[in-house]
């Protein structure tokens, strides 16, 4: 009998998981990003030197690339 409860519990969790795992929606954000904008941002970070395969220096590598992109945008804004 306990085995049936375990199976039912596990199967209920498996069926409920997809319903609860939708992407986050930011209802408070008046200007959500489009897919093209996200792809553009990713391309800029990769072009600035971010390598996702370097997992040992993950946060530092990403933040450094984001800083370089921000500096490029700041330089373009002043021109």
C-alpha atoms as a PDB file:
ATOM      1  CA  UNK A   1       0.000   0.000   0.000  1.00  0.00           C
ATOM      2  CA  UNK A   2       2.850   2.375   0.805  1.00  0.00           C
ATOM      3  CA  UNK A   3       4.379   1.657  -2.578  1.00  0.00           C
ATOM      4  CA  UNK A   4       1.190   2.807  -4.306  1.00  0.00           C
ATOM      5  CA  UNK A   5       1.257   6.104  -2.370  1.00  0.00           C
ATOM      6  CA  UNK A   6       4.870   6.660  -3.352  1.00  0.00           C
ATOM      7  CA  UNK A   7       4.097   5.988  -6.999  1.00  0.00           C
ATOM      8  CA  UNK A   8       1.069   8.305  -6.912  1.00  0.00           C
ATOM      9  CA  UNK A   9       3.058  11.039  -5.198  1.00  0.00           C
ATOM     10  CA  UNK A  10       5.909  10.823  -7.680  1.00  0.00           C
ATOM     11  CA  UNK A  11       3.585  10.738 -10.682  1.00  0.00           C
ATOM     12  CA  UNK A  12       1.615  13.727  -9.355  1.00  0.00           C
ATOM     13  CA  UNK A  13       4.853  15.663  -8.926  1.00  0.00           C
ATOM     14  CA  UNK A  14       5.958  14.773 -12.453  1.00  0.00           C
ATOM     15  CA  UNK A  15       2.669  15.966 -13.912  1.00  0.00           C
ATOM     16  CA  UNK A  16       2.634  19.175 -11.856  1.00  0.00           C
ATOM     17  CA  UNK A  17       6.249  20.159 -12.581  1.00  0.00           C
ATOM     18  CA  UNK A  18       5.735  21.279 -16.207  1.00  0.00           C
ATOM     19  CA  UNK A  19       2.767  23.425 -15.245  1.00  0.00           C
ATOM     20  CA  UNK A  20       4.845  25.218 -12.625  1.00  0.00           C
ATOM     21  CA  UNK A  21       7.946  25.685 -14.747  1.00  0.00           C
ATOM     22  CA  UNK A  22       6.826  28.335 -17.218  1.00  0.00           C
ATOM     23  CA  UNK A  23       9.256  31.098 -18.053  1.00  0.00           C
ATOM     24  CA  UNK A  24       9.171  34.100 -15.805  1.00  0.00           C
ATOM     25  CA  UNK A  25       6.990  36.893 -16.981  1.00  0.00           C
ATOM     26  CA  UNK A  26       7.767  40.350 -15.759  1.00  0.00           C
ATOM     27  CA  UNK A  27       4.343  41.959 -15.567  1.00  0.00           C
ATOM     28  CA  UNK A  28       5.900  44.979 -13.873  1.00  0.00           C
ATOM     29  CA  UNK A  29       8.304  45.658 -16.747  1.00  0.00           C
ATOM     30  CA  UNK A  30       6.724  48.178 -19.127  1.00  0.00           C
ATOM     31  CA  UNK A  31       9.265  47.358 -21.883  1.00  0.00           C
ATOM     32  CA  UNK A  32      10.037  43.629 -21.994  1.00  0.00           C
ATOM     33  CA  UNK A  33      12.857  42.555 -24.289  1.00  0.00           C
ATOM     34  CA  UNK A  34      12.120  40.841 -27.561  1.00  0.00           C
ATOM     35  CA  UNK A  35      13.885  37.669 -28.614  1.00  0.00           C
ATOM     36  CA  UNK A  36      15.904  39.653 -31.147  1.00  0.00           C
ATOM     37  CA  UNK A  37      17.065  42.075 -28.439  1.00  0.00           C
ATOM     38  CA  UNK A  38      18.164  39.205 -26.194  1.00  0.00           C
ATOM     39  CA  UNK A  39      20.062  37.615 -29.094  1.00  0.00           C
ATOM     40  CA  UNK A  40      21.734  40.958 -29.820  1.00  0.00           C
ATOM     41  CA  UNK A  41      22.799  41.358 -26.189  1.00  0.00           C
ATOM     42  CA  UNK A  42      24.197  37.824 -26.130  1.00  0.00           C
ATOM     43  CA  UNK A  43      26.116  38.457 -29.358  1.00  0.00           C
ATOM     44  CA  UNK A  44      27.610  41.648 -27.892  1.00  0.00           C
ATOM     45  CA  UNK A  45      28.763  39.851 -24.745  1.00  0.00           C
ATOM     46  CA  UNK A  46      30.295  37.016 -26.775  1.00  0.00           C
ATOM     47  CA  UNK A  47      32.036  39.533 -29.046  1.00  0.00           C
ATOM     48  CA  UNK A  48      33.404  41.279 -25.941  1.00  0.00           C
ATOM     49  CA  UNK A  49      35.206  38.093 -24.939  1.00  0.00           C
ATOM     50  CA  UNK A  50      32.751  36.067 -22.877  1.00  0.00           C
ATOM     51  CA  UNK A  51      33.302  32.334 -23.280  1.00  0.00           C
ATOM     52  CA  UNK A  52      30.637  30.139 -21.636  1.00  0.00           C
ATOM     53  CA  UNK A  53      32.978  27.144 -21.801  1.00  0.00           C
ATOM     54  CA  UNK A  54      35.312  28.711 -19.242  1.00  0.00           C
ATOM     55  CA  UNK A  55      33.279  27.608 -16.244  1.00  0.00           C
ATOM     56  CA  UNK A  56      36.110  28.055 -13.734  1.00  0.00           C
ATOM     57  CA  UNK A  57      36.036  31.815 -14.169  1.00  0.00           C
ATOM     58  CA  UNK A  58      32.318  32.069 -14.922  1.00  0.00           C
ATOM     59  CA  UNK A  59      31.102  35.068 -12.947  1.00  0.00           C
ATOM     60  CA  UNK A  60      34.231  37.149 -13.414  1.00  0.00           C
ATOM     61  CA  UNK A  61      34.433  36.372 -17.146  1.00  0.00           C
ATOM     62  CA  UNK A  62      30.801  37.336 -17.731  1.00  0.00           C
ATOM     63  CA  UNK A  63      30.960  40.504 -15.633  1.00  0.00           C
ATOM     64  CA  UNK A  64      34.138  41.645 -17.385  1.00  0.00           C
ATOM     65  CA  UNK A  65      32.508  41.152 -20.793  1.00  0.00           C
ATOM     66  CA  UNK A  66      29.405  43.036 -19.629  1.00  0.00           C
ATOM     67  CA  UNK A  67      31.600  45.921 -18.440  1.00  0.00           C
ATOM     68  CA  UNK A  68      33.322  46.052 -21.833  1.00  0.00           C
ATOM     69  CA  UNK A  69      29.937  46.142 -23.593  1.00  0.00           C
ATOM     70  CA  UNK A  70      28.738  48.909 -21.255  1.00  0.00           C
ATOM     71  CA  UNK A  71      31.881  50.926 -21.975  1.00  0.00           C
ATOM     72  CA  UNK A  72      31.359  50.479 -25.713  1.00  0.00           C
ATOM     73  CA  UNK A  73      27.766  51.700 -25.396  1.00  0.00           C
ATOM     74  CA  UNK A  74      28.873  54.645 -23.262  1.00  0.00           C
ATOM     75  CA  UNK A  75      31.493  55.549 -25.859  1.00  0.00           C
ATOM     76  CA  UNK A  76      28.940  55.392 -28.660  1.00  0.00           C
ATOM     77  CA  UNK A  77      26.501  57.539 -26.690  1.00  0.00           C
ATOM     78  CA  UNK A  78      29.047  60.350 -26.264  1.00  0.00           C
ATOM     79  CA  UNK A  79      29.934  60.472 -29.958  1.00  0.00           C
END
